[in-house]
C-alpha atoms as a PDB file:
ATOM      1  CA  MET A   1     -18.191 -22.884   1.178  1.00  0.00           C
ATOM      2  CA  ILE A   2     -14.314 -23.134   1.849  1.00  0.00           C
ATOM      3  CA  LYS A   3     -13.237 -24.213   5.130  1.00  0.00           C
ATOM      4  CA  LEU A   4      -9.781 -22.876   6.266  1.00  0.00           C
ATOM      5  CA  GLY A   5      -8.074 -24.250   9.119  1.00  0.00           C
ATOM      6  CA  VAL A   6      -4.710 -22.592   8.971  1.00  0.00           C
ATOM      7  CA  ASP A   7      -3.205 -21.632  12.049  1.00  0.00           C
ATOM      8  CA  PRO A   8      -1.981 -17.913  12.154  1.00  0.00           C
ATOM      9  CA  ILE A   9       1.349 -19.041  13.399  1.00  0.00           C
ATOM     10  CA  ALA A  10       3.319 -20.827  10.658  1.00  0.00           C
ATOM     11  CA  PHE A  11       6.112 -22.078  12.762  1.00  0.00           C
ATOM     12  CA  SER A  12       7.898 -21.308  15.895  1.00  0.00           C
ATOM     13  CA  ILE A  13      11.639 -21.614  16.797  1.00  0.00           C
ATOM     14  CA  GLY A  14      11.948 -21.806  20.774  1.00  0.00           C
ATOM     15  CA  PRO A  15      10.129 -18.771  22.097  1.00  0.00           C
ATOM     16  CA  LEU A  16       9.854 -17.120  18.767  1.00  0.00           C
ATOM     17  CA  GLU A  17       6.746 -17.245  16.759  1.00  0.00           C
ATOM     18  CA  PHE A  18       6.494 -16.401  13.009  1.00  0.00           C
ATOM     19  CA  GLY A  19       3.183 -15.633  11.792  1.00  0.00           C
ATOM     20  CA  TRP A  20       1.811 -15.848   8.347  1.00  0.00           C
ATOM     21  CA  TYR A  21       0.837 -12.070   8.473  1.00  0.00           C
ATOM     22  CA  GLY A  22       4.177 -10.826   9.494  1.00  0.00           C
ATOM     23  CA  MET A  23       6.014 -12.984   6.882  1.00  0.00           C
ATOM     24  CA  ALA A  24       3.667 -11.932   4.103  1.00  0.00           C
ATOM     25  CA  ILE A  25       4.387  -8.312   4.997  1.00  0.00           C
ATOM     26  CA  SER A  26       8.027  -8.788   5.093  1.00  0.00           C
ATOM     27  CA  ILE A  27       8.070 -10.598   1.894  1.00  0.00           C
ATOM     28  CA  GLY A  28       6.033  -7.769   0.429  1.00  0.00           C
ATOM     29  CA  VAL A  29       8.569  -5.133   1.552  1.00  0.00           C
ATOM     30  CA  PHE A  30      11.400  -7.388   0.243  1.00  0.00           C
ATOM     31  CA  VAL A  31       9.597  -7.526  -3.259  1.00  0.00           C
ATOM     32  CA  LEU A  32       9.032  -3.905  -3.127  1.00  0.00           C
ATOM     33  CA  ILE A  33      12.723  -3.219  -2.776  1.00  0.00           C
ATOM     34  CA  LEU A  34      13.766  -5.737  -5.336  1.00  0.00           C
ATOM     35  CA  TRP A  35      11.200  -4.078  -7.809  1.00  0.00           C
ATOM     36  CA  THR A  36      12.900  -0.709  -7.356  1.00  0.00           C
ATOM     37  CA  MET A  37      16.551  -2.154  -7.458  1.00  0.00           C
ATOM     38  CA  ASN A  38      15.403  -3.716 -10.778  1.00  0.00           C
ATOM     39  CA  GLN A  39      14.024  -0.363 -12.184  1.00  0.00           C
ATOM     40  CA  ILE A  40      17.333   1.311 -11.159  1.00  0.00           C
ATOM     41  CA  LYS A  41      19.245  -1.439 -13.043  1.00  0.00           C
ATOM     42  CA  LYS A  42      17.218  -0.570 -15.964  1.00  0.00           C
ATOM     43  CA  GLY A  43      18.065   2.970 -15.736  1.00  0.00           C
ATOM     44  CA  ALA A  44      15.563   4.587 -13.589  1.00  0.00           C
ATOM     45  CA  ARG A  45      16.871   7.962 -12.370  1.00  0.00           C
ATOM     46  CA  ILE A  46      17.191   6.829  -8.762  1.00  0.00           C
ATOM     47  CA  THR A  47      20.481   6.089  -6.869  1.00  0.00           C
ATOM     48  CA  TYR A  48      20.929   3.132  -4.660  1.00  0.00           C
ATOM     49  CA  ASP A  49      21.584   5.612  -1.780  1.00  0.00           C
ATOM     50  CA  ASP A  50      18.112   7.213  -2.565  1.00  0.00           C
ATOM     51  CA  LEU A  51      16.666   3.819  -2.295  1.00  0.00           C
ATOM     52  CA  PHE A  52      18.482   2.971   1.071  1.00  0.00           C
ATOM     53  CA  THR A  53      17.569   6.320   2.528  1.00  0.00           C
ATOM     54  CA  ALA A  54      13.801   5.903   1.417  1.00  0.00           C
ATOM     55  CA  ALA A  55      13.787   2.386   2.893  1.00  0.00           C
ATOM     56  CA  ILE A  56      15.255   3.551   6.156  1.00  0.00           C
ATOM     57  CA  ILE A  57      12.802   6.303   6.527  1.00  0.00           C
ATOM     58  CA  GLY A  58       9.633   5.071   4.885  1.00  0.00           C
ATOM     59  CA  ILE A  59       9.444   1.423   6.438  1.00  0.00           C
ATOM     60  CA  PRO A  60       9.565   2.590  10.027  1.00  0.00           C
ATOM     61  CA  SER A  61       7.179   5.358   9.375  1.00  0.00           C
ATOM     62  CA  GLY A  62       4.860   3.439   7.646  1.00  0.00           C
ATOM     63  CA  ILE A  63       4.765   0.789  10.550  1.00  0.00           C
ATOM     64  CA  ILE A  64       4.233   3.442  13.115  1.00  0.00           C
ATOM     65  CA  PHE A  65       1.485   5.070  11.128  1.00  0.00           C
ATOM     66  CA  ALA A  66      -0.201   1.871  10.363  1.00  0.00           C
ATOM     67  CA  ARG A  67      -0.356   1.167  14.168  1.00  0.00           C
ATOM     68  CA  LEU A  68      -1.406   4.480  14.981  1.00  0.00           C
ATOM     69  CA  MET A  69      -4.161   4.509  12.594  1.00  0.00           C
ATOM     70  CA  HIS A  70      -5.293   0.898  13.816  1.00  0.00           C
ATOM     71  CA  VAL A  71      -5.381   2.241  17.378  1.00  0.00           C
ATOM     72  CA  ILE A  72      -7.358   5.302  16.512  1.00  0.00           C
ATOM     73  CA  ASP A  73      -9.915   3.272  14.535  1.00  0.00           C
ATOM     74  CA  ARG A  74     -10.272   0.826  17.672  1.00  0.00           C
ATOM     75  CA  TRP A  75      -9.933   3.490  20.322  1.00  0.00           C
ATOM     76  CA  ASN A  76     -13.007   2.239  22.304  1.00  0.00           C
ATOM     77  CA  TYR A  77     -10.968  -0.863  22.872  1.00  0.00           C
ATOM     78  CA  TYR A  78      -7.418   0.390  23.349  1.00  0.00           C
ATOM     79  CA  SER A  79      -8.742   3.044  25.588  1.00  0.00           C
ATOM     80  CA  GLN A  80      -9.833   0.285  27.942  1.00  0.00           C
ATOM     81  CA  ASN A  81      -6.735  -1.664  27.226  1.00  0.00           C
ATOM     82  CA  PRO A  82      -3.813   0.871  26.990  1.00  0.00           C
ATOM     83  CA  GLY A  83      -1.052  -1.789  27.645  1.00  0.00           C
ATOM     84  CA  GLN A  84      -1.848  -3.195  24.221  1.00  0.00           C
ATOM     85  CA  ILE A  85      -1.407  -0.032  22.250  1.00  0.00           C
ATOM     86  CA  ILE A  86       2.129  -0.778  21.501  1.00  0.00           C
ATOM     87  CA  GLY A  87       2.362  -3.824  19.400  1.00  0.00           C
ATOM     88  CA  GLY A  88       2.280  -5.015  15.753  1.00  0.00           C
ATOM     89  CA  GLU A  89      -0.864  -7.369  15.756  1.00  0.00           C
ATOM     90  CA  GLY A  90      -3.105  -4.475  14.296  1.00  0.00           C
ATOM     91  CA  LEU A  91      -1.918  -2.475  11.308  1.00  0.00           C
ATOM     92  CA  THR A  92      -3.778  -0.449   8.585  1.00  0.00           C
ATOM     93  CA  ILE A  93      -2.538  -0.675   5.053  1.00  0.00           C
ATOM     94  CA  TYR A  94      -3.586   3.130   4.478  1.00  0.00           C
ATOM     95  CA  GLY A  95      -1.481   3.955   7.393  1.00  0.00           C
ATOM     96  CA  ALA A  96       1.351   2.135   6.092  1.00  0.00           C
ATOM     97  CA  ILE A  97       1.238   3.604   2.659  1.00  0.00           C
ATOM     98  CA  LEU A  98       0.534   7.244   3.551  1.00  0.00           C
ATOM     99  CA  GLY A  99       2.985   7.093   6.596  1.00  0.00           C
ATOM    100  CA  GLY A 100       5.704   5.799   4.432  1.00  0.00           C
ATOM    101  CA  PHE A 101       5.043   8.131   1.512  1.00  0.00           C
ATOM    102  CA  LEU A 102       4.706  11.184   3.915  1.00  0.00           C
ATOM    103  CA  ALA A 103       7.869  10.482   5.681  1.00  0.00           C
ATOM    104  CA  ILE A 104       9.814  10.246   2.332  1.00  0.00           C
ATOM    105  CA  TRP A 105       8.075  13.426   1.053  1.00  0.00           C
ATOM    106  CA  ILE A 106       9.414  15.356   4.189  1.00  0.00           C
ATOM    107  CA  TYR A 107      12.756  14.066   3.534  1.00  0.00           C
ATOM    108  CA  SER A 108      12.635  15.318  -0.092  1.00  0.00           C
ATOM    109  CA  ARG A 109      11.814  18.756   1.205  1.00  0.00           C
ATOM    110  CA  PHE A 110      15.241  18.943   2.699  1.00  0.00           C
ATOM    111  CA  ASN A 111      17.050  17.003  -0.133  1.00  0.00           C
ATOM    112  CA  LYS A 112      16.409  19.005  -3.198  1.00  0.00           C
ATOM    113  CA  LYS A 113      18.005  16.360  -5.425  1.00  0.00           C
ATOM    114  CA  PHE A 114      15.321  13.799  -4.321  1.00  0.00           C
ATOM    115  CA  GLN A 115      12.711  13.643  -7.067  1.00  0.00           C
ATOM    116  CA  PHE A 116       9.701  12.756  -4.909  1.00  0.00           C
ATOM    117  CA  ALA A 117       7.128  12.519  -7.682  1.00  0.00           C
ATOM    118  CA  TYR A 118       9.387  10.592  -9.955  1.00  0.00           C
ATOM    119  CA  VAL A 119      10.371   8.155  -7.259  1.00  0.00           C
ATOM    120  CA  LEU A 120       6.699   7.383  -6.540  1.00  0.00           C
ATOM    121  CA  ASP A 121       6.039   6.783 -10.041  1.00  0.00           C
ATOM    122  CA  THR A 122       8.925   4.289 -10.051  1.00  0.00           C
ATOM    123  CA  ILE A 123       7.732   2.411  -7.110  1.00  0.00           C
ATOM    124  CA  VAL A 124       3.932   2.369  -7.086  1.00  0.00           C
ATOM    125  CA  PRO A 125       3.678  -0.648  -9.361  1.00  0.00           C
ATOM    126  CA  GLY A 126       5.892  -2.563  -6.696  1.00  0.00           C
ATOM    127  CA  VAL A 127       3.864  -1.188  -3.927  1.00  0.00           C
ATOM    128  CA  ALA A 128       0.617  -2.782  -5.513  1.00  0.00           C
ATOM    129  CA  LEU A 129       2.288  -6.091  -5.881  1.00  0.00           C
ATOM    130  CA  ALA A 130       3.537  -5.776  -2.324  1.00  0.00           C
ATOM    131  CA  GLN A 131      -0.164  -5.128  -1.191  1.00  0.00           C
ATOM    132  CA  ALA A 132      -1.311  -8.137  -2.880  1.00  0.00           C
ATOM    133  CA  ILE A 133       1.360 -10.385  -1.138  1.00  0.00           C
ATOM    134  CA  GLY A 134       0.536  -8.753   2.137  1.00  0.00           C
ATOM    135  CA  ARG A 135      -3.251  -9.663   1.680  1.00  0.00           C
ATOM    136  CA  VAL A 136      -2.362 -13.343   1.360  1.00  0.00           C
ATOM    137  CA  GLY A 137      -1.038 -12.964   4.941  1.00  0.00           C
ATOM    138  CA  CYS A 138      -4.377 -11.370   5.968  1.00  0.00           C
ATOM    139  CA  THR A 139      -6.174 -14.458   4.257  1.00  0.00           C
ATOM    140  CA  LEU A 140      -4.120 -16.964   6.344  1.00  0.00           C
ATOM    141  CA  ASN A 141      -4.283 -14.956   9.541  1.00  0.00           C
ATOM    142  CA  GLY A 142      -8.160 -14.682   9.358  1.00  0.00           C
ATOM    143  CA  CYS A 143      -8.203 -10.851   9.364  1.00  0.00           C
ATOM    144  CA  CYS A 144      -9.795  -8.198   7.263  1.00  0.00           C
ATOM    145  CA  TYR A 145     -12.470 -10.609   6.224  1.00  0.00           C
ATOM    146  CA  GLY A 146     -15.945  -9.739   4.890  1.00  0.00           C
ATOM    147  CA  ASP A 147     -19.563  -9.740   5.847  1.00  0.00           C
ATOM    148  CA  VAL A 148     -21.473 -13.133   6.522  1.00  0.00           C
ATOM    149  CA  THR A 149     -22.289 -14.619   3.008  1.00  0.00           C
ATOM    150  CA  THR A 150     -24.164 -17.637   1.414  1.00  0.00           C
ATOM    151  CA  LEU A 151     -21.965 -17.337  -1.602  1.00  0.00           C
ATOM    152  CA  PRO A 152     -20.242 -20.672  -2.504  1.00  0.00           C
ATOM    153  CA  TRP A 153     -16.760 -19.299  -2.176  1.00  0.00           C
ATOM    154  CA  GLY A 154     -17.386 -17.871   1.210  1.00  0.00           C
ATOM    155  CA  ILE A 155     -14.725 -18.842   3.805  1.00  0.00           C
ATOM    156  CA  GLU A 156     -15.071 -20.379   7.200  1.00  0.00           C
ATOM    157  CA  TYR A 157     -12.060 -20.082   9.609  1.00  0.00           C
ATOM    158  CA  THR A 158     -12.139 -23.324  11.531  1.00  0.00           C
ATOM    159  CA  ASN A 159      -8.827 -22.807  13.496  1.00  0.00           C
ATOM    160  CA  PRO A 160      -9.485 -21.743  16.990  1.00  0.00           C
ATOM    161  CA  ASN A 161      -6.459 -19.586  16.764  1.00  0.00           C
ATOM    162  CA  SER A 162      -7.651 -17.870  13.706  1.00  0.00           C
ATOM    163  CA  TYR A 163      -8.826 -14.149  14.073  1.00  0.00           C
ATOM    164  CA  GLY A 164     -11.908 -15.040  11.903  1.00  0.00           C
ATOM    165  CA  TYR A 165     -12.840 -18.025  14.040  1.00  0.00           C
ATOM    166  CA  GLY A 166     -16.476 -18.031  14.980  1.00  0.00           C
ATOM    167  CA  ALA A 167     -17.303 -15.323  12.357  1.00  0.00           C
ATOM    168  CA  GLY A 168     -19.300 -17.903  10.311  1.00  0.00           C
ATOM    169  CA  VAL A 169     -18.940 -18.030   6.518  1.00  0.00           C
ATOM    170  CA  VAL A 170     -17.623 -14.831   5.373  1.00  0.00           C
ATOM    171  CA  GLN A 171     -16.729 -12.822   2.188  1.00  0.00           C
ATOM    172  CA  PRO A 172     -13.147 -13.378   1.226  1.00  0.00           C
ATOM    173  CA  THR A 173     -12.627  -9.679   0.950  1.00  0.00           C
ATOM    174  CA  GLN A 174      -8.743 -10.374   1.308  1.00  0.00           C
ATOM    175  CA  VAL A 175      -8.863 -12.498  -1.788  1.00  0.00           C
ATOM    176  CA  TYR A 176     -10.921  -9.855  -3.671  1.00  0.00           C
ATOM    177  CA  GLU A 177      -8.130  -7.325  -2.812  1.00  0.00           C
ATOM    178  CA  ILE A 178      -5.345  -9.701  -3.848  1.00  0.00           C
ATOM    179  CA  ILE A 179      -7.107 -10.031  -7.425  1.00  0.00           C
ATOM    180  CA  PHE A 180      -7.750  -6.267  -7.639  1.00  0.00           C
ATOM    181  CA  MET A 181      -4.154  -5.248  -6.579  1.00  0.00           C
ATOM    182  CA  LEU A 182      -2.664  -7.659  -9.381  1.00  0.00           C
ATOM    183  CA  ILE A 183      -4.891  -6.229 -11.803  1.00  0.00           C
ATOM    184  CA  LEU A 184      -3.834  -2.637 -10.800  1.00  0.00           C
ATOM    185  CA  PHE A 185      -0.156  -3.796 -10.817  1.00  0.00           C
ATOM    186  CA  ILE A 186      -0.609  -4.930 -14.548  1.00  0.00           C
ATOM    187  CA  VAL A 187      -2.318  -1.627 -15.411  1.00  0.00           C
ATOM    188  CA  LEU A 188       0.478   0.513 -13.518  1.00  0.00           C
ATOM    189  CA  TYR A 189       3.113  -1.581 -15.470  1.00  0.00           C
ATOM    190  CA  LYS A 190       1.594  -0.852 -18.713  1.00  0.00           C
ATOM    191  CA  LEU A 191       1.197   2.755 -18.151  1.00  0.00           C
ATOM    192  CA  ARG A 192       4.908   3.247 -16.902  1.00  0.00           C
ATOM    193  CA  GLY A 193       6.577   6.089 -19.120  1.00  0.00           C
ATOM    194  CA  LYS A 194       3.066   6.991 -20.825  1.00  0.00           C
ATOM    195  CA  LEU A 195       1.858   9.671 -18.546  1.00  0.00           C
ATOM    196  CA  LYS A 196       3.111  13.141 -17.704  1.00  0.00           C
ATOM    197  CA  PRO A 197       4.038  14.960 -15.454  1.00  0.00           C
ATOM    198  CA  ASP A 198       6.112  13.108 -12.973  1.00  0.00           C
ATOM    199  CA  GLY A 199       3.806  11.866 -10.237  1.00  0.00           C
ATOM    200  CA  ALA A 200       0.864  10.940 -12.711  1.00  0.00           C
ATOM    201  CA  LEU A 201       1.259   7.148 -12.271  1.00  0.00           C
ATOM    202  CA  ALA A 202       1.271   7.606  -8.655  1.00  0.00           C
ATOM    203  CA  MET A 203      -2.084   9.430  -8.868  1.00  0.00           C
ATOM    204  CA  VAL A 204      -3.592   6.590 -11.031  1.00  0.00           C
ATOM    205  CA  TYR A 205      -2.519   4.329  -8.051  1.00  0.00           C
ATOM    206  CA  PHE A 206      -3.993   6.426  -5.292  1.00  0.00           C
ATOM    207  CA  GLY A 207      -7.206   7.107  -7.291  1.00  0.00           C
ATOM    208  CA  ALA A 208      -7.711   3.663  -8.274  1.00  0.00           C
ATOM    209  CA  TYR A 209      -7.019   2.167  -4.747  1.00  0.00           C
ATOM    210  CA  SER A 210      -9.266   4.821  -3.034  1.00  0.00           C
ATOM    211  CA  ILE A 211     -12.139   3.892  -5.186  1.00  0.00           C
ATOM    212  CA  TRP A 212     -11.553   0.308  -4.622  1.00  0.00           C
ATOM    213  CA  ARG A 213     -11.284   0.616  -0.880  1.00  0.00           C
ATOM    214  CA  PHE A 214     -14.160   2.774  -0.387  1.00  0.00           C
ATOM    215  CA  CYS A 215     -16.411   0.252  -2.171  1.00  0.00           C
ATOM    216  CA  ILE A 216     -15.082  -2.977  -0.881  1.00  0.00           C
ATOM    217  CA  ASP A 217     -15.548  -1.724   2.779  1.00  0.00           C
ATOM    218  CA  PHE A 218     -19.280  -1.888   2.356  1.00  0.00           C
ATOM    219  CA  ILE A 219     -19.043  -5.735   2.456  1.00  0.00           C
ATOM    220  CA  ARG A 220     -16.249  -5.873   4.986  1.00  0.00           C
ATOM    221  CA  GLU A 221     -16.342  -6.108   8.738  1.00  0.00           C
ATOM    222  CA  GLY A 222     -15.697  -2.877  10.642  1.00  0.00           C
ATOM    223  CA  THR A 223     -17.019  -0.133  12.846  1.00  0.00           C
ATOM    224  CA  ALA A 224     -18.009   3.531  12.018  1.00  0.00           C
ATOM    225  CA  PHE A 225     -15.108   5.894  12.173  1.00  0.00           C
ATOM    226  CA  MET A 226     -15.937   8.329  14.934  1.00  0.00           C
ATOM    227  CA  SER A 227     -19.258   7.373  14.888  1.00  0.00           C
ATOM    228  CA  ASN A 228     -20.151   9.274  11.711  1.00  0.00           C
ATOM    229  CA  PRO A 229     -23.871   8.983  10.682  1.00  0.00           C
ATOM    230  CA  LEU A 230     -23.256   7.250   7.356  1.00  0.00           C
ATOM    231  CA  GLY A 231     -21.396   4.388   9.138  1.00  0.00           C
ATOM    232  CA  LEU A 232     -18.435   4.618   6.936  1.00  0.00           C
ATOM    233  CA  HIS A 233     -15.287   3.027   8.182  1.00  0.00           C
ATOM    234  CA  GLN A 234     -11.848   4.773   8.847  1.00  0.00           C
ATOM    235  CA  ALA A 235     -10.569   3.596   5.284  1.00  0.00           C
ATOM    236  CA  GLN A 236     -13.668   4.891   3.660  1.00  0.00           C
ATOM    237  CA  VAL A 237     -13.302   8.165   5.144  1.00  0.00           C
ATOM    238  CA  ILE A 238      -9.610   8.318   4.159  1.00  0.00           C
ATOM    239  CA  SER A 239     -10.636   7.025   0.679  1.00  0.00           C
ATOM    240  CA  ILE A 240     -12.749  10.011   0.117  1.00  0.00           C
ATOM    241  CA  ILE A 241     -10.098  12.607   1.244  1.00  0.00           C
ATOM    242  CA  VAL A 242      -7.520  10.871  -0.922  1.00  0.00           C
ATOM    243  CA  PHE A 243      -9.799  10.557  -4.042  1.00  0.00           C
ATOM    244  CA  ILE A 244     -10.589  14.433  -3.699  1.00  0.00           C
ATOM    245  CA  LEU A 245      -7.093  15.393  -3.347  1.00  0.00           C
ATOM    246  CA  VAL A 246      -6.041  13.246  -6.380  1.00  0.00           C
ATOM    247  CA  VAL A 247      -8.601  14.704  -8.544  1.00  0.00           C
ATOM    248  CA  ALA A 248      -7.633  18.195  -7.566  1.00  0.00           C
ATOM    249  CA  LEU A 249      -3.953  17.545  -8.151  1.00  0.00           C
ATOM    250  CA  ALA A 250      -4.742  15.820 -11.414  1.00  0.00           C
ATOM    251  CA  PHE A 251      -6.405  18.944 -12.811  1.00  0.00           C
ATOM    252  CA  TYR A 252      -3.770  21.277 -11.279  1.00  0.00           C
ATOM    253  CA  LYS A 253      -0.896  19.142 -12.913  1.00  0.00           C
ATOM    254  CA  ARG A 254      -2.749  18.459 -16.062  1.00  0.00           C
ATOM    255  CA  ILE A 255      -2.085  14.855 -16.295  1.00  0.00           C
ATOM    256  CA  ARG A 256      -1.803  13.672 -19.941  1.00  0.00           C
ATOM    257  CA  LEU A 257      -0.445  10.900 -22.178  1.00  0.00           C
ATOM    258  CA  VAL A 258       2.969  11.376 -23.385  1.00  0.00           C
ATOM    259  CA  ASP A 259       3.178  12.705 -27.021  1.00  0.00           C
ATOM    260  CA  LYS A 260       6.076  12.970 -29.325  1.00  0.00           C
ATOM    261  CA  ASN A 261       6.915  16.573 -28.096  1.00  0.00           C
ATOM    262  CA  ASP A 262       7.381  15.246 -24.388  1.00  0.00           C
ATOM    263  CA  VAL A 263       9.527  12.174 -25.719  1.00  0.00           C
ATOM    264  CA  ASP A 264      11.722  14.773 -27.634  1.00  0.00           C
ATOM    265  CA  LYS A 265      11.950  17.118 -24.661  1.00  0.00           C
ATOM    266  CA  ASP A 266      12.991  14.185 -22.469  1.00  0.00           C
ATOM    267  CA  ILE A 267      15.670  13.092 -24.706  1.00  0.00           C
ATOM    268  CA  ASN A 268      16.904  16.423 -24.900  1.00  0.00           C
ATOM    269  CA  ASN A 269      17.038  16.971 -21.130  1.00  0.00           C
ATOM    270  CA  ILE A 270      19.060  13.683 -20.954  1.00  0.00           C
ATOM    271  CA  LYS A 271      21.381  14.683 -23.544  1.00  0.00           C
ATOM    272  CA  GLU A 272      21.991  18.165 -21.786  1.00  0.00           C
ATOM    273  CA  GLY A 273      22.612  16.397 -18.481  1.00  0.00           C
ATOM    274  CA  GLU A 274      24.949  14.115 -19.763  1.00  0.00           C
ATOM    275  CA  ALA A 275      26.952  16.986 -21.569  1.00  0.00           C
ATOM    276  CA  GLU A 276      27.040  18.807 -18.318  1.00  0.00           C
ATOM    277  CA  LYS A 277      28.431  15.920 -16.493  1.00  0.00           C
ATOM    278  CA  VAL A 278      31.207  15.615 -19.128  1.00  0.00           C
ATOM    279  CA  ASN A 279      31.884  19.469 -18.903  1.00  0.00           C
ATOM    280  CA  ASN A 280      32.146  19.201 -15.283  1.00  0.00           C
ATOM    281  CA  GLY A 281      34.153  16.243 -15.384  1.00  0.00           C
END
């Protein structure tokens, strides 16, 4: 058993309090931006303007959706405490990811030059890394923990301010997800440029995470979403929907490994694009 007595508040400056959770989320977003900037520097077909626009649109939308889905999931509580609906204490990772990507997709419908699928492929390794960092905040915050366990690596939150205080010795599902997301980051990193068409790498990310989240929630604390008879959590219901969509889209788009013909075609496209720029210049 591991006893964790960390206070969710890392430090305070006057009336301002800085929690581990909020700092981890902020660092994760910062790392995602740095990852994308580094990919642009290495030649990714994304402009810094595209990155700036995606961040301005995606980050606020992700936060709003993350909060909205949390409130929906805990509606029995918030319907009795409507004054607490607006806040940042409860967020869902699925809401953040889907909300952010949905907002960027809508933007891409108005800006035809914005290559949504390509952008997703570029950033999803960074998203996985950001999620791992965010779960560090969950671990220190004492939220998102698992069921009671007798395993020797179970965690007991001993700080009275911790969200996990009084829960007993629990499964460290946050730590499990940190490990999984780091492994997924490595897999996505190795697969970059090896799958066709654009958007294929993003499908690997969504498919892998939906399977993981569906399974891990069986040993994680939570309530049945909309009182469904199977007792599935909100994240598990979303995982089923996401996985079905990913599989259908993968067949429709015919995901495949890159072969020599694809490489030659990409090289020709790049040369034609460069030639067009010279002629127009």
